[in-house]
Amino acid sequence: MVVPTVWVLAALGDIKLETGETHSSPGLTHHSITAIVIPLIDISTITPHGVTMKKIVVLDGFTLNPLPLGESSALHPSWQALADLGDLQVFDRTAASAVSGVAKDAEILLTNKTPITAETIAALPHLEYIGVIATGTNVVDLNAAKERGIPVTNVPGYAATSAVQMVFSLLFELTGRIGETAQAVRNGDWARCPDFSFTIAPFFEVSGKTLGIVGYGAIGEAVAAVGSALGMNVIVHSRTEKDSKTPIRWTSLEDLLETADVITLHCPLTPQTAKLINATTINKLKPGVWLINTGRGGLVDEAALAEGLSQGKLAGYGADVLSSEPPSHDNPLLSAPNTVITPHIAWASVEARRRLMDGVVGNLAAHLSGSPQNVVNC
């Protein structure tokens, strides 16, 4: 049997036939076809199986993988697995005001820090899925997405190991002044020293110190395990108490502030926890405390904290986050004494970024297969 050409074309979409004169014969009617009108189809979105690929737009992919689409490196996760799931377009960065333009045809929208507001969601008629390339989802208007029936997913837990490592990197820098000492050696101070050894500041051990953890999710619990292994006494304050594999003591926030030698913040930023460390709570701190913040910059009142550091109420502050990122040049913590601040990199180890990409791809694949996972607005 010879298959008419028009039947083959019809497999690609709706076909409109413009017919001319009708001819009849026993059991069969013939039309003389004068024109075949075929809708325009972007054949680049057709898979080998004939399925139209979804349009995927990544709004701010640079921090996850700075390499262009198609390039790979051992130090960066590849975009290829995501490209295999649809028609992928990756932007390094996108201003919030430009989202509705660059993503006007997007069915799948992925963001790390670019806000997706209710207005943006309303302006994207084809949108059916939003994936956050992170754990925190405050950049998306979850209610607006839910009202449209659009699931929003995140990637929990991918950075726990690297975040714990950063907590103790900051603590060791504050207690040991390793960076400052290494710089002094480079400046020639050791070469000029008459002794075999020299120090630029007191060097403290953490063993035997009391570690106070505010917030006991996956990261807080992992911090407790490392602290305990280092010989620290671990106390915890959290909204809810749960079983812990690590020996800890649950306590009130006030007791933790007054007794801990080291305090590390791992609670979410909410109206209740905003500026948790402020002028009032700073006055309750044990003298000489070290404060670590790898959670959210808004957990501390930065002006009050800078003043407390200047007055010597704290021995030091180590942070990987600030209230605005990148910070303004006049942020008081940038010039406060005894501070170590890193540019929000606790999430960004080579291994963690690979896990993050795997999580983003896994979430989207699950959505496309009809078995959604890690949906935060259901």
Protein backbone atom coordinates (compact mmCIF):
# COMPACT_ATOMS: atom_id res chain seq x y z
CA MET A 1 0.00 0.00 0.00
CA VAL A 2 1.31 3.43 -0.93
CA VAL A 3 0.69 5.92 1.86
CA PRO A 4 -0.53 9.28 0.52
CA THR A 5 1.87 12.12 1.27
CA VAL A 6 -0.82 14.10 3.03
CA TRP A 7 -1.25 11.27 5.57
CA VAL A 8 2.43 11.51 6.45
CA LEU A 9 2.20 15.28 6.82
CA ALA A 10 -0.88 14.94 9.00
CA ALA A 11 1.21 13.12 11.58
CA LEU A 12 3.00 16.40 12.26
CA GLY A 13 -0.07 18.39 13.23
CA ASP A 14 -3.42 19.74 12.11
CA ILE A 15 -3.68 19.90 8.32
CA LYS A 16 -6.14 22.07 6.42
CA LEU A 17 -7.02 20.83 2.93
CA GLU A 18 -8.37 23.27 0.37
CA THR A 19 -10.17 21.15 -2.21
CA GLY A 20 -11.41 21.81 -5.70
CA GLU A 21 -13.69 19.75 -7.91
CA THR A 22 -15.18 16.55 -6.49
CA HIS A 23 -14.99 13.33 -8.50
CA SER A 24 -16.99 10.23 -7.60
CA SER A 25 -16.53 6.60 -8.41
CA PRO A 26 -18.23 3.51 -6.94
CA GLY A 27 -17.51 3.49 -3.19
CA LEU A 28 -14.95 6.33 -3.30
CA THR A 29 -15.02 10.09 -3.52
CA HIS A 30 -12.00 11.96 -4.88
CA HIS A 31 -11.12 15.59 -4.27
CA SER A 32 -8.66 17.47 -6.38
CA ILE A 33 -6.45 19.06 -3.73
CA THR A 34 -5.51 22.60 -4.66
CA ALA A 35 -3.57 23.50 -1.50
CA ILE A 36 -2.28 21.95 1.74
CA VAL A 37 -1.98 24.41 4.64
CA ILE A 38 0.41 23.09 7.32
CA PRO A 39 0.98 24.91 10.63
CA LEU A 40 4.53 26.11 11.23
CA ILE A 41 6.48 23.69 13.45
CA ASP A 42 9.90 24.29 14.98
CA ILE A 43 11.47 20.96 14.03
CA SER A 44 14.33 21.57 16.50
CA THR A 45 11.86 20.78 19.29
CA ILE A 46 10.89 17.39 17.88
CA THR A 47 12.58 14.39 19.46
CA PRO A 48 13.45 11.27 17.41
CA HIS A 49 10.26 9.76 18.82
CA GLY A 50 8.12 12.59 17.48
CA VAL A 51 7.41 14.16 20.90
CA THR A 52 7.56 17.94 21.16
CA MET A 53 10.19 19.02 23.70
CA LYS A 54 9.33 21.46 26.47
CA LYS A 55 10.89 24.90 26.40
CA ILE A 56 13.24 25.15 29.43
CA VAL A 57 14.67 28.50 30.53
CA VAL A 58 17.33 28.88 33.23
CA LEU A 59 17.28 32.48 34.45
CA ASP A 60 20.58 32.65 36.35
CA GLY A 61 22.79 29.67 35.71
CA PHE A 62 26.24 31.26 36.06
CA THR A 63 26.89 30.43 39.72
CA LEU A 64 25.90 26.80 39.22
CA ASN A 65 27.89 26.36 36.01
CA PRO A 66 29.67 29.28 34.29
CA LEU A 67 30.45 27.21 31.21
CA PRO A 68 28.39 27.68 28.04
CA LEU A 69 25.89 25.05 27.04
CA GLY A 70 27.75 22.19 25.40
CA GLU A 71 31.03 22.67 27.27
CA SER A 72 32.10 20.53 30.22
CA SER A 73 34.76 20.50 32.92
CA ALA A 74 35.70 18.32 35.87
CA LEU A 75 35.16 21.37 38.10
CA HIS A 76 31.64 22.22 36.92
CA PRO A 77 28.45 20.17 36.50
CA SER A 78 27.27 19.72 32.93
CA TRP A 79 24.05 21.18 31.50
CA GLN A 80 23.71 18.19 29.17
CA ALA A 81 21.38 16.09 31.33
CA LEU A 82 19.00 19.06 31.54
CA ALA A 83 19.28 19.70 27.80
CA ASP A 84 18.29 16.07 27.21
CA LEU A 85 14.93 16.82 28.85
CA GLY A 86 13.88 19.71 26.62
CA ASP A 87 14.72 22.72 24.48
CA LEU A 88 17.15 24.40 26.91
CA GLN A 89 18.17 28.04 27.06
CA VAL A 90 20.53 29.19 29.83
CA PHE A 91 21.06 32.81 30.84
CA ASP A 92 23.96 33.77 33.11
CA ARG A 93 21.81 36.34 34.88
CA THR A 94 18.37 37.88 34.40
CA ALA A 95 16.98 41.02 36.00
CA ALA A 96 13.62 40.53 37.67
CA SER A 97 12.07 43.08 35.31
CA ALA A 98 13.25 41.10 32.27
CA VAL A 99 11.92 37.65 33.21
CA SER A 100 8.58 37.96 31.43
CA GLY A 101 10.43 38.85 28.24
CA VAL A 102 13.17 36.21 28.14
CA ALA A 103 10.82 33.49 29.39
CA LYS A 104 7.69 34.40 27.41
CA ASP A 105 7.57 31.00 25.71
CA ALA A 106 8.89 28.96 28.63
CA GLU A 107 6.98 25.99 29.92
CA ILE A 108 9.74 25.11 32.40
CA LEU A 109 11.36 27.95 34.38
CA LEU A 110 14.41 27.44 36.60
CA THR A 111 15.80 30.06 38.97
CA ASN A 112 18.38 30.36 41.71
CA LYS A 113 18.08 33.93 42.97
CA THR A 114 16.08 35.71 40.27
CA PRO A 115 12.65 36.55 41.78
CA ILE A 116 9.55 35.08 40.17
CA THR A 117 6.68 37.26 41.33
CA ALA A 118 2.94 36.91 40.99
CA GLU A 119 3.04 39.48 38.18
CA THR A 120 5.70 37.49 36.36
CA ILE A 121 3.76 34.25 36.71
CA ALA A 122 0.64 35.92 35.33
CA ALA A 123 2.61 37.18 32.32
CA LEU A 124 3.83 33.71 31.29
CA PRO A 125 0.89 31.91 29.67
CA HIS A 126 2.75 28.70 28.83
CA LEU A 127 4.37 28.21 32.23
CA GLU A 128 3.67 24.83 33.85
CA TYR A 129 6.62 24.22 36.20
CA ILE A 130 9.06 26.25 38.33
CA GLY A 131 12.23 24.68 39.70
CA VAL A 132 14.36 26.46 42.27
CA ILE A 133 18.06 25.75 41.87
CA ALA A 134 18.56 25.87 45.63
CA THR A 135 16.92 24.80 48.87
CA GLY A 136 15.33 28.12 49.87
CA THR A 137 12.22 29.06 47.88
CA ASN A 138 11.58 32.63 49.03
CA VAL A 139 12.39 33.92 45.52
CA VAL A 140 9.13 32.47 44.17
CA ASP A 141 5.58 33.59 44.96
CA LEU A 142 4.43 30.12 45.98
CA ASN A 143 0.77 31.05 46.39
CA ALA A 144 0.55 32.64 42.96
CA ALA A 145 2.10 29.54 41.42
CA LYS A 146 -0.31 27.29 43.32
CA GLU A 147 -3.31 29.29 42.12
CA ARG A 148 -2.18 28.65 38.54
CA GLY A 149 -1.64 24.96 39.29
CA ILE A 150 2.10 25.33 38.76
CA PRO A 151 4.25 23.13 41.01
CA VAL A 152 7.40 24.66 42.53
CA THR A 153 10.24 22.35 43.50
CA ASN A 154 13.51 22.75 45.39
CA VAL A 155 16.63 20.67 46.07
CA PRO A 156 16.95 19.95 49.81
CA GLY A 157 20.11 18.73 51.50
CA TYR A 158 22.53 18.96 48.61
CA ALA A 159 24.91 21.36 50.41
CA ALA A 160 24.83 19.99 53.95
CA THR A 161 28.35 18.56 53.82
CA SER A 162 29.95 21.66 52.32
CA ALA A 163 28.01 23.97 54.66
CA VAL A 164 29.27 22.08 57.72
CA GLN A 165 32.80 22.31 56.38
CA MET A 166 32.38 26.08 56.01
CA VAL A 167 31.09 26.42 59.58
CA PHE A 168 34.26 24.93 60.97
CA SER A 169 36.50 26.68 58.44
CA LEU A 170 35.18 30.00 59.74
CA LEU A 171 35.50 28.87 63.36
CA PHE A 172 39.08 27.69 62.90
CA GLU A 173 40.01 30.95 61.20
CA LEU A 174 38.59 32.93 64.13
CA THR A 175 40.19 30.77 66.81
CA GLY A 176 43.51 30.20 65.05
CA ARG A 177 44.03 33.28 62.83
CA ILE A 178 45.48 30.96 60.19
CA GLY A 179 45.02 33.32 57.26
CA GLU A 180 46.49 36.29 59.09
CA THR A 181 49.45 34.23 60.27
CA ALA A 182 50.13 32.90 56.77
CA GLN A 183 50.04 36.48 55.44
CA ALA A 184 52.53 37.54 58.11
CA VAL A 185 54.88 34.79 56.91
CA ARG A 186 54.53 35.99 53.33
CA ASN A 187 55.31 39.50 54.55
CA GLY A 188 58.61 38.23 55.94
CA ASP A 189 57.79 38.36 59.66
CA TRP A 190 59.00 34.79 60.28
CA ALA A 191 62.21 35.35 58.36
CA ARG A 192 62.93 38.38 60.54
CA CYS A 193 61.97 36.59 63.78
CA PRO A 194 64.87 35.66 66.16
CA ASP A 195 62.95 32.59 67.38
CA PHE A 196 61.91 29.36 65.65
CA SER A 197 58.23 30.25 66.14
CA PHE A 198 56.04 33.30 66.52
CA THR A 199 52.33 34.13 66.87
CA ILE A 200 50.39 37.22 65.93
CA ALA A 201 47.44 36.53 68.27
CA PRO A 202 46.31 33.97 70.86
CA PHE A 203 45.45 30.55 69.39
CA PHE A 204 42.49 28.76 71.04
CA GLU A 205 41.44 25.10 71.07
CA VAL A 206 37.77 24.27 70.50
CA SER A 207 37.86 21.03 72.48
CA GLY A 208 36.07 21.49 75.80
CA LYS A 209 34.20 24.58 74.57
CA THR A 210 30.39 24.72 74.53
CA LEU A 211 28.90 24.79 71.04
CA GLY A 212 25.44 26.33 70.84
CA ILE A 213 23.41 25.46 67.73
CA VAL A 214 20.29 27.47 66.85
CA GLY A 215 18.17 25.36 64.50
CA TYR A 216 18.48 21.60 64.23
CA GLY A 217 17.74 20.59 60.67
CA ALA A 218 20.08 18.47 58.56
CA ILE A 219 22.92 21.01 58.70
CA GLY A 220 22.53 21.78 62.38
CA GLU A 221 22.56 18.08 63.22
CA ALA A 222 25.68 17.50 61.12
CA VAL A 223 27.41 20.44 62.82
CA ALA A 224 26.59 18.85 66.17
CA ALA A 225 28.22 15.58 65.10
CA VAL A 226 31.44 17.30 64.03
CA GLY A 227 31.51 19.49 67.13
CA SER A 228 31.07 16.48 69.37
CA ALA A 229 33.86 14.64 67.54
CA LEU A 230 36.12 17.63 68.25
CA GLY A 231 35.39 17.33 71.97
CA MET A 232 32.87 20.17 72.20
CA ASN A 233 29.86 20.13 74.52
CA VAL A 234 26.81 20.60 72.27
CA ILE A 235 23.66 22.46 73.30
CA VAL A 236 20.76 23.07 70.93
CA HIS A 237 17.77 25.38 70.65
CA SER A 238 15.14 24.68 67.99
CA ARG A 239 11.41 25.08 67.47
CA THR A 240 10.94 21.35 67.82
CA GLU A 241 12.96 18.71 69.62
CA LYS A 242 13.76 15.40 67.97
CA ASP A 243 15.87 12.32 68.48
CA SER A 244 19.56 12.94 67.91
CA LYS A 245 22.35 10.47 67.21
CA THR A 246 24.80 12.96 68.72
CA PRO A 247 24.85 13.61 72.48
CA ILE A 248 23.27 17.05 72.89
CA ARG A 249 21.38 19.04 75.48
CA TRP A 250 18.21 20.83 74.49
CA THR A 251 17.92 24.28 76.01
CA SER A 252 16.19 27.63 75.77
CA LEU A 253 17.51 30.36 73.50
CA GLU A 254 18.29 32.55 76.49
CA ASP A 255 20.34 29.83 78.18
CA LEU A 256 22.19 29.11 74.93
CA LEU A 257 23.08 32.78 74.46
CA GLU A 258 24.36 33.05 78.00
CA THR A 259 26.42 29.84 78.16
CA ALA A 260 27.78 28.99 74.70
CA ASP A 261 31.40 29.72 73.78
CA VAL A 262 30.54 29.28 70.11
CA ILE A 263 27.13 29.99 68.58
CA THR A 264 26.23 28.90 65.05
CA LEU A 265 22.96 29.86 63.34
CA HIS A 266 21.05 27.31 61.26
CA CYS A 267 17.42 28.35 61.65
CA PRO A 268 15.33 29.59 58.71
CA LEU A 269 14.81 33.31 58.22
CA THR A 270 11.23 34.10 59.24
CA PRO A 271 9.52 37.12 60.78
CA GLN A 272 10.17 35.48 64.15
CA THR A 273 13.90 34.91 63.57
CA ALA A 274 14.72 38.12 61.69
CA LYS A 275 17.47 40.00 63.57
CA LEU A 276 17.57 37.26 66.17
CA ILE A 277 21.00 38.58 67.10
CA ASN A 278 20.39 42.22 68.01
CA ALA A 279 21.44 44.78 70.59
CA THR A 280 19.35 43.09 73.29
CA THR A 281 20.53 39.54 72.65
CA ILE A 282 24.14 40.66 72.20
CA ASN A 283 24.08 42.00 75.74
CA LYS A 284 23.11 38.51 76.93
CA LEU A 285 26.02 36.75 75.21
CA LYS A 286 28.79 35.15 77.18
CA PRO A 287 31.83 37.45 76.97
CA GLY A 288 34.30 36.36 74.31
CA VAL A 289 31.82 34.30 72.28
CA TRP A 290 32.47 33.41 68.65
CA LEU A 291 29.41 33.75 66.40
CA ILE A 292 29.07 31.84 63.10
CA ASN A 293 26.37 32.49 60.51
CA THR A 294 26.10 30.38 57.36
CA GLY A 295 22.28 30.54 57.37
CA ARG A 296 20.85 33.90 56.33
CA GLY A 297 22.26 37.40 56.71
CA GLY A 298 18.92 38.68 58.00
CA LEU A 299 19.28 36.60 61.16
CA VAL A 300 21.50 39.33 62.61
CA ASP A 301 21.12 43.07 63.09
CA GLU A 302 24.30 44.00 61.23
CA ALA A 303 24.69 47.48 62.71
CA ALA A 304 24.22 46.21 66.27
CA LEU A 305 26.59 43.31 65.67
CA ALA A 306 29.29 45.58 64.22
CA GLU A 307 29.00 47.78 67.31
CA GLY A 308 29.22 44.75 69.61
CA LEU A 309 32.38 43.60 67.83
CA SER A 310 33.90 47.07 68.09
CA GLN A 311 33.15 47.10 71.81
CA GLY A 312 34.72 43.66 72.31
CA LYS A 313 31.50 41.97 73.40
CA LEU A 314 32.24 39.16 70.93
CA ALA A 315 35.60 37.57 70.18
CA GLY A 316 34.73 37.30 66.50
CA TYR A 317 32.12 36.83 63.80
CA GLY A 318 32.39 34.42 60.88
CA ALA A 319 29.78 34.65 58.15
CA ASP A 320 29.11 33.35 54.67
CA VAL A 321 25.97 35.47 54.28
CA LEU A 322 24.94 39.11 54.57
CA SER A 323 21.54 40.82 54.57
CA SER A 324 21.97 41.95 50.96
CA GLU A 325 24.13 40.14 48.43
CA PRO A 326 26.29 41.47 46.96
CA PRO A 327 26.60 43.85 49.92
CA SER A 328 26.65 47.61 49.77
CA HIS A 329 30.08 49.14 50.30
CA ASP A 330 28.92 50.73 53.55
CA ASN A 331 27.78 47.50 55.20
CA PRO A 332 29.14 47.96 58.75
CA LEU A 333 30.34 44.35 59.05
CA LEU A 334 32.81 44.79 56.19
CA SER A 335 34.92 47.07 58.38
CA ALA A 336 34.14 45.59 61.81
CA PRO A 337 37.06 44.10 63.77
CA ASN A 338 37.57 40.34 64.17
CA THR A 339 35.33 39.37 61.31
CA VAL A 340 35.80 36.74 58.62
CA ILE A 341 33.29 37.04 55.79
CA THR A 342 33.10 34.85 52.70
CA PRO A 343 30.88 35.60 49.65
CA HIS A 344 28.08 33.04 50.08
CA ILE A 345 30.10 30.04 48.94
CA ALA A 346 29.21 27.39 51.53
CA TRP A 347 26.79 25.85 49.00
CA ALA A 348 29.24 25.88 46.12
CA SER A 349 31.79 23.11 46.53
CA VAL A 350 32.46 21.13 43.36
CA GLU A 351 30.67 18.13 44.85
CA ALA A 352 27.69 20.13 46.14
CA ARG A 353 27.11 21.83 42.79
CA ARG A 354 27.16 18.44 41.10
CA ARG A 355 24.55 17.17 43.58
CA LEU A 356 22.51 20.32 42.98
CA MET A 357 22.48 19.81 39.22
CA ASP A 358 21.50 16.17 39.72
CA GLY A 359 18.66 17.30 41.98
CA VAL A 360 17.39 19.90 39.50
CA VAL A 361 17.43 17.34 36.68
CA GLY A 362 15.82 14.70 38.88
CA ASN A 363 13.01 17.02 39.94
CA LEU A 364 12.22 17.98 36.34
CA ALA A 365 12.41 14.39 35.10
CA ALA A 366 10.00 13.34 37.84
CA HIS A 367 7.59 16.11 36.86
CA LEU A 368 7.71 15.16 33.18
CA SER A 369 7.07 11.51 34.04
CA GLY A 370 4.02 12.38 36.12
CA SER A 371 5.57 11.52 39.46
CA PRO A 372 6.49 14.91 40.96
CA GLN A 373 8.94 15.16 43.86
CA ASN A 374 10.17 17.88 46.23
CA VAL A 375 7.12 20.05 45.51
CA VAL A 376 6.96 22.86 48.09
CA ASN A 377 3.62 24.48 47.24
CA CYS A 378 1.24 21.52 47.06
